[in-house]
Protein backbone atom coordinates (compact mmCIF):
# COMPACT_ATOMS: atom_id res chain seq x y z
CA UNK A 1 13.62 9.42 -1.96
CA UNK A 2 14.53 11.79 -4.81
CA UNK A 3 17.72 9.87 -5.56
CA UNK A 4 15.80 6.61 -5.58
CA UNK A 5 13.15 7.95 -7.98
CA UNK A 6 15.86 9.37 -10.26
CA UNK A 7 17.70 6.02 -10.32
CA UNK A 8 14.46 4.20 -11.09
CA UNK A 9 13.67 6.60 -13.93
CA UNK A 10 17.11 6.08 -15.47
CA UNK A 11 16.82 2.30 -15.17
CA UNK A 12 13.31 2.50 -16.63
CA UNK A 13 14.61 4.29 -19.71
CA UNK A 14 17.23 1.56 -20.16
CA UNK A 15 14.55 -1.11 -19.82
CA UNK A 16 12.42 0.59 -22.47
CA UNK A 17 15.41 0.82 -24.82
CA UNK A 18 16.01 -2.92 -24.43
CA UNK A 19 12.31 -3.63 -25.04
CA UNK A 20 12.24 -1.46 -28.16
CA UNK A 21 15.42 -3.08 -29.49
CA UNK A 22 14.23 -6.63 -28.86
CA UNK A 23 10.78 -5.94 -30.33
CA UNK A 24 12.23 -4.27 -33.42
CA UNK A 25 14.52 -7.15 -34.36
CA UNK A 26 12.01 -9.88 -33.45
CA UNK A 27 9.45 -8.32 -35.79
CA UNK A 28 11.98 -8.03 -38.59
CA UNK A 29 13.21 -11.62 -38.16
CA UNK A 30 9.67 -13.04 -38.13
CA UNK A 31 8.55 -14.40 -41.53
CA UNK A 32 6.32 -12.21 -43.65
CA UNK A 33 6.16 -8.47 -44.18
CA UNK A 34 3.61 -5.68 -44.25
CA UNK A 35 3.30 -5.67 -48.04
CA UNK A 36 3.78 -9.33 -48.92
CA UNK A 37 0.10 -9.72 -49.82
CA UNK A 38 0.21 -6.85 -52.30
CA UNK A 39 1.32 -9.08 -55.18
CA UNK A 40 -0.83 -7.26 -57.74
CA UNK A 41 0.98 -4.01 -57.01
CA UNK A 42 3.50 -2.90 -59.67
CA UNK A 43 7.10 -3.35 -58.63
CA UNK A 44 7.87 0.35 -58.96
CA UNK A 45 4.96 1.30 -56.70
CA UNK A 46 6.00 -1.31 -54.14
CA UNK A 47 9.54 0.08 -54.09
CA UNK A 48 8.24 3.60 -53.53
CA UNK A 49 6.12 2.43 -50.60
CA UNK A 50 9.06 0.58 -49.07
CA UNK A 51 11.18 3.70 -49.46
CA UNK A 52 8.49 5.75 -47.68
CA UNK A 53 8.75 3.51 -44.62
CA UNK A 54 12.57 3.10 -44.88
CA UNK A 55 12.19 -0.63 -45.58
CA UNK A 56 14.63 -0.33 -48.48
CA UNK A 57 17.48 0.58 -46.12
CA UNK A 58 19.76 -1.87 -44.29
CA UNK A 59 18.38 -3.22 -41.03
CA UNK A 60 20.81 -1.31 -38.84
CA UNK A 61 19.82 1.98 -40.49
CA UNK A 62 16.13 1.18 -39.98
CA UNK A 63 16.84 0.54 -36.32
CA UNK A 64 18.75 3.79 -35.79
CA UNK A 65 16.06 5.82 -37.56
CA UNK A 66 13.34 4.14 -35.49
CA UNK A 67 15.19 4.72 -32.21
CA UNK A 68 15.84 8.37 -33.07
CA UNK A 69 12.19 8.92 -33.89
CA UNK A 70 10.93 7.22 -30.70
CA UNK A 71 13.47 8.27 -28.09
CA UNK A 72 14.19 11.83 -29.24
CA UNK A 73 10.92 12.88 -30.88
CA UNK A 74 8.37 10.58 -29.26
CA UNK A 75 7.02 9.74 -32.72
CA UNK A 76 6.33 6.17 -33.82
CA UNK A 77 5.78 7.23 -37.41
CA UNK A 78 2.91 6.52 -39.80
CA UNK A 79 0.97 3.28 -39.74
CA UNK A 80 1.69 0.94 -42.63
CA UNK A 81 -1.91 -0.25 -42.91
CA UNK A 82 -3.62 3.04 -42.08
CA UNK A 83 -1.60 5.45 -44.24
CA UNK A 84 -3.73 8.47 -43.34
CA UNK A 85 -3.09 8.04 -39.61
CA UNK A 86 0.03 8.16 -37.51
CA UNK A 87 0.64 5.56 -34.81
CA UNK A 88 0.50 8.31 -32.19
CA UNK A 89 -3.01 9.25 -33.34
CA UNK A 90 -4.19 5.62 -33.26
CA UNK A 91 -2.79 5.12 -29.75
CA UNK A 92 -4.39 8.36 -28.60
CA UNK A 93 -7.77 7.11 -29.84
CA UNK A 94 -7.57 3.66 -28.26
CA UNK A 95 -5.77 4.44 -25.00
CA UNK A 96 -8.65 6.28 -23.25
CA UNK A 97 -11.00 3.35 -23.91
CA UNK A 98 -8.53 0.75 -22.63
CA UNK A 99 -7.60 2.90 -19.63
CA UNK A 100 -11.26 3.42 -18.75
CA UNK A 101 -11.90 -0.32 -18.98
CA UNK A 102 -8.79 -1.05 -16.90
CA UNK A 103 -9.63 1.48 -14.17
CA UNK A 104 -13.23 0.31 -13.99
CA UNK A 105 -12.09 -3.32 -13.77
CA UNK A 106 -9.68 -2.38 -10.99
CA UNK A 107 -12.51 -0.69 -9.09
CA UNK A 108 -14.61 -3.85 -9.51
CA UNK A 109 -11.73 -5.97 -8.20
CA UNK A 110 -11.28 -3.74 -5.13
CA UNK A 111 -15.00 -3.39 -4.38
CA UNK A 112 -15.41 -7.16 -4.42
CA UNK A 113 -12.02 -8.35 -3.19
CA UNK A 114 -11.35 -6.06 -0.21
CA UNK A 115 -14.65 -6.66 1.65
CA UNK A 116 -14.51 -10.38 0.89
CA UNK A 117 -10.96 -10.66 2.21
CA UNK A 118 -11.69 -8.63 5.34
CA UNK A 119 -14.81 -10.64 6.16
CA UNK A 120 -12.97 -13.92 5.57
CA UNK A 121 -10.13 -12.86 7.91
CA UNK A 122 -12.40 -11.56 10.67
CA UNK A 123 -14.59 -14.69 10.43
CA UNK A 124 -11.74 -17.18 10.04
CA UNK A 125 -12.80 -20.83 9.78
CA UNK A 126 -16.48 -19.86 9.75
CA UNK A 127 -19.01 -20.15 6.94
CA UNK A 128 -18.31 -16.58 5.76
CA UNK A 129 -14.61 -17.43 5.40
CA UNK A 130 -15.32 -20.64 3.49
CA UNK A 131 -17.85 -18.92 1.22
CA UNK A 132 -15.54 -16.02 0.37
CA UNK A 133 -12.54 -18.22 -0.34
CA UNK A 134 -14.59 -20.67 -2.39
CA UNK A 135 -15.81 -17.77 -4.48
CA UNK A 136 -12.23 -16.55 -4.85
CA UNK A 137 -11.09 -19.97 -6.02
CA UNK A 138 -13.89 -20.05 -8.60
CA UNK A 139 -12.95 -16.57 -9.79
CA UNK A 140 -9.32 -17.57 -10.23
CA UNK A 141 -10.22 -20.81 -12.03
CA UNK A 142 -12.49 -19.31 -14.71
CA UNK A 143 -10.50 -17.42 -17.38
CA UNK A 144 -11.93 -14.15 -18.64
CA UNK A 145 -12.37 -15.46 -22.20
CA UNK A 146 -14.77 -18.05 -20.74
CA UNK A 147 -16.48 -15.72 -18.29
CA UNK A 148 -17.11 -13.08 -20.96
CA UNK A 149 -19.38 -15.20 -23.16
CA UNK A 150 -21.14 -16.55 -20.05
CA UNK A 151 -21.96 -13.01 -18.92
CA UNK A 152 -23.17 -12.14 -22.42
CA UNK A 153 -25.43 -15.19 -22.52
CA UNK A 154 -26.90 -14.47 -19.09
CA UNK A 155 -27.17 -10.68 -18.93
CA UNK A 156 -27.33 -9.62 -22.58
CA UNK A 157 -29.34 -12.42 -24.19
CA UNK A 158 -31.41 -14.18 -21.50
CA UNK A 159 -31.80 -11.03 -19.41
CA UNK A 160 -31.34 -8.09 -21.81
CA UNK A 161 -30.05 -5.69 -19.19
CA UNK A 162 -26.72 -4.91 -20.85
CA UNK A 163 -25.35 -4.66 -24.37
CA UNK A 164 -23.54 -7.67 -25.79
CA UNK A 165 -20.98 -5.61 -27.69
CA UNK A 166 -19.85 -2.09 -28.39
CA UNK A 167 -18.71 0.81 -26.25
CA UNK A 168 -20.44 4.07 -25.33
CA UNK A 169 -18.49 6.90 -23.76
CA UNK A 170 -19.75 8.68 -20.67
CA UNK A 171 -20.68 11.66 -22.84
CA UNK A 172 -23.48 9.54 -24.34
CA UNK A 173 -25.13 9.33 -20.92
CA UNK A 174 -24.72 7.29 -17.76
CA UNK A 175 -27.19 4.55 -18.69
CA UNK A 176 -25.74 3.86 -22.21
CA UNK A 177 -22.25 3.94 -20.72
CA UNK A 178 -23.09 1.39 -18.02
CA UNK A 179 -24.93 -0.84 -20.49
CA UNK A 180 -21.73 -1.33 -22.49
CA UNK A 181 -19.07 -1.18 -19.76
CA UNK A 182 -20.40 -3.26 -16.85
CA UNK A 183 -20.09 -6.73 -18.40
CA UNK A 184 -16.53 -6.33 -19.78
CA UNK A 185 -15.43 -4.80 -16.46
CA UNK A 186 -16.85 -7.76 -14.55
CA UNK A 187 -15.27 -10.25 -16.95
CA UNK A 188 -11.88 -8.58 -16.67
CA UNK A 189 -11.91 -7.72 -12.96
CA UNK A 190 -13.37 -10.89 -11.45
CA UNK A 191 -10.14 -12.90 -11.42
CA UNK A 192 -8.23 -9.97 -9.93
CA UNK A 193 -10.96 -9.58 -7.29
CA UNK A 194 -10.28 -13.16 -6.27
CA UNK A 195 -6.54 -12.48 -5.86
CA UNK A 196 -7.25 -9.27 -3.92
CA UNK A 197 -9.56 -11.20 -1.57
CA UNK A 198 -6.94 -13.86 -0.87
CA UNK A 199 -4.16 -11.29 -0.35
CA UNK A 200 -6.36 -9.17 1.93
CA UNK A 201 -7.29 -12.20 4.02
CA UNK A 202 -3.67 -13.32 4.35
CA UNK A 203 -2.43 -9.83 5.20
CA UNK A 204 -5.18 -9.25 7.77
CA UNK A 205 -4.56 -12.61 9.48
CA UNK A 206 -0.86 -11.87 9.75
CA UNK A 207 -1.41 -8.37 11.17
CA UNK A 208 -4.07 -9.40 13.69
CA UNK A 209 -1.61 -11.85 15.25
CA UNK A 210 0.90 -9.09 16.01
CA UNK A 211 1.52 -8.06 19.62
CA UNK A 212 0.29 -4.48 19.24
CA UNK A 213 -3.07 -5.74 17.94
CA UNK A 214 -3.38 -8.08 20.91
CA UNK A 215 -2.52 -5.15 23.19
CA UNK A 216 -5.24 -3.03 21.60
CA UNK A 217 -7.76 -5.81 22.18
CA UNK A 218 -6.63 -6.18 25.77
CA UNK A 219 -7.34 -2.48 26.32
CA UNK A 220 -10.93 -3.11 25.34
CA UNK A 221 -11.00 -1.33 21.96
CA UNK A 222 -13.81 -2.34 19.67
CA UNK A 223 -12.90 -4.75 16.87
CA UNK A 224 -13.94 -2.40 14.05
CA UNK A 225 -11.83 0.38 15.57
CA UNK A 226 -8.80 -1.91 15.81
CA UNK A 227 -9.22 -2.93 12.19
CA UNK A 228 -9.68 0.61 10.90
CA UNK A 229 -6.95 2.34 12.93
CA UNK A 230 -4.28 -0.30 13.41
CA UNK A 231 -4.68 -3.37 11.22
CA UNK A 232 -6.01 -2.21 7.86
CA UNK A 233 -2.99 -0.20 6.72
CA UNK A 234 -0.55 -3.03 7.32
CA UNK A 235 -2.91 -5.61 5.86
CA UNK A 236 -3.17 -3.68 2.60
CA UNK A 237 0.57 -3.78 1.87
CA UNK A 238 0.38 -7.12 -0.03
CA UNK A 239 -2.62 -5.80 -1.95
CA UNK A 240 -0.82 -2.58 -2.92
CA UNK A 241 2.20 -4.55 -4.12
CA UNK A 242 -0.16 -6.52 -6.35
CA UNK A 243 -2.11 -3.57 -7.77
CA UNK A 244 0.67 -2.25 -10.02
CA UNK A 245 1.23 -5.47 -11.98
CA UNK A 246 -2.51 -6.19 -11.73
CA UNK A 247 -3.47 -2.96 -13.45
CA UNK A 248 -0.87 -3.54 -16.14
CA UNK A 249 -2.25 -7.07 -16.49
CA UNK A 250 -5.74 -5.65 -16.90
CA UNK A 251 -4.55 -3.40 -19.71
CA UNK A 252 -2.80 -6.23 -21.53
CA UNK A 253 -5.50 -8.74 -20.63
CA UNK A 254 -8.12 -6.40 -22.03
CA UNK A 255 -6.94 -7.46 -25.49
CA UNK A 256 -9.08 -10.61 -25.20
CA UNK A 257 -12.02 -8.82 -23.57
CA UNK A 258 -11.97 -6.09 -26.21
CA UNK A 259 -12.17 -8.71 -28.91
CA UNK A 260 -15.07 -10.52 -27.21
CA UNK A 261 -17.10 -7.36 -26.56
CA UNK A 262 -16.00 -5.54 -29.74
CA UNK A 263 -14.51 -2.62 -27.80
CA UNK A 264 -12.43 -0.12 -29.86
CA UNK A 265 -9.46 -0.01 -27.51
CA UNK A 266 -5.77 -0.69 -27.89
CA UNK A 267 -6.35 -4.45 -27.87
CA UNK A 268 -8.01 -4.51 -31.26
CA UNK A 269 -5.26 -2.35 -32.75
CA UNK A 270 -2.58 -4.60 -31.27
CA UNK A 271 -4.13 -7.80 -32.62
CA UNK A 272 -4.80 -6.35 -36.07
CA UNK A 273 -1.35 -4.81 -36.31
CA UNK A 274 0.27 -8.15 -35.46
CA UNK A 275 -1.70 -9.91 -38.20
CA UNK A 276 -1.00 -7.11 -40.69
CA UNK A 277 2.71 -6.88 -39.80
CA UNK A 278 2.21 -3.17 -39.11
CA UNK A 279 5.65 -2.67 -37.56
CA UNK A 280 5.22 0.89 -36.21
CA UNK A 281 1.83 0.14 -34.61
CA UNK A 282 3.04 -3.09 -33.00
CA UNK A 283 6.09 -1.29 -31.63
CA UNK A 284 3.97 1.60 -30.38
CA UNK A 285 1.58 -0.60 -28.43
CA UNK A 286 4.45 -2.64 -26.95
CA UNK A 287 6.27 0.49 -25.78
CA UNK A 288 3.06 1.96 -24.37
CA UNK A 289 2.18 -1.17 -22.40
CA UNK A 290 5.77 -1.54 -21.17
CA UNK A 291 5.95 2.10 -20.12
CA UNK A 292 2.73 1.78 -18.15
CA UNK A 293 4.03 -1.32 -16.37
CA UNK A 294 7.30 0.43 -15.42
CA UNK A 295 5.49 3.54 -14.14
CA UNK A 296 2.93 1.55 -12.15
CA UNK A 297 5.65 -0.50 -10.44
CA UNK A 298 7.37 2.76 -9.42
CA UNK A 299 4.10 4.12 -8.03
CA UNK A 300 3.64 0.93 -5.99
CA UNK A 301 7.14 1.23 -4.51
CA UNK A 302 6.44 4.83 -3.48
CA UNK A 303 3.09 3.82 -1.98
CA UNK A 304 4.94 1.44 0.36
CA UNK A 305 6.39 4.41 2.25
CA UNK A 306 2.88 5.77 2.84
CA UNK A 307 1.44 2.51 4.15
CA UNK A 308 4.49 1.33 6.10
CA UNK A 309 6.71 3.99 7.77
CA UNK A 310 9.43 1.35 8.25
CA UNK A 311 10.03 1.33 4.48
CA UNK A 312 12.52 3.99 3.39
CA UNK A 313 14.49 4.55 0.20
CA UNK A 314 16.81 7.22 1.56
CA UNK A 315 19.89 4.99 1.22
CA UNK A 316 18.75 3.24 -1.96
């Protein structure tokens, strides 16, 4: 296991290097620059600003300086549009909000998807199965940028139970926190809840047809005991394999939700930095999202060994 984790960490570093390299040159090749709109600025001042951000150097020197700063020092440098803030500080401000939204959306997806999938599998071809799967199909079909405004119209305007925009931290109190976080979490997690329900149903149906489950039933064990002790762990393997990419998708997908609900997370910084051609901030958010995706995939692979003893990475 240790050798496997070490190999994955080395390959992850190589993947991040490739992502940083590709992102760096794509941003530089794209038309426009961070200071192209500053036409009223004196030429001498513009040159000094470009020198501050190493934009006056050849492209290969800019790349080497950027890689040295990121890989060796973990520093993305100062923001080009927020000169009084470093990219690290901006990411540190927005990451907790986006992570909280992502975790809460994942909890929503599991709380809705797991029971729906289990009920659908245990009541196969009955009304409960059809109802759960119909709801899952609806959840998959409605994109979050459509569901978000619908939730605002229903539960923030017609029924003023929740706030239409903004974000309150938990330190402001439980009620203010829930008023601003419930709707975006539902909008972001509903589609993933639908996928979790379908995966849970499929995994449970496959497990319950295995011989050892039939043997347990023949011994007279109660159905809920069979599900809890023997079937549930194996049925959750497809769900666990989906959770890593799903959580990363929630973090990246929160860009749209954060714009709709005016949430000060990483999504707003990423969108604004792309429009402003803020090279360090764009690169910082890309590396952060990519790093999270790599780490979460590794966690999912390790979780396989817990859920399924047949999975081993000793010879990997």
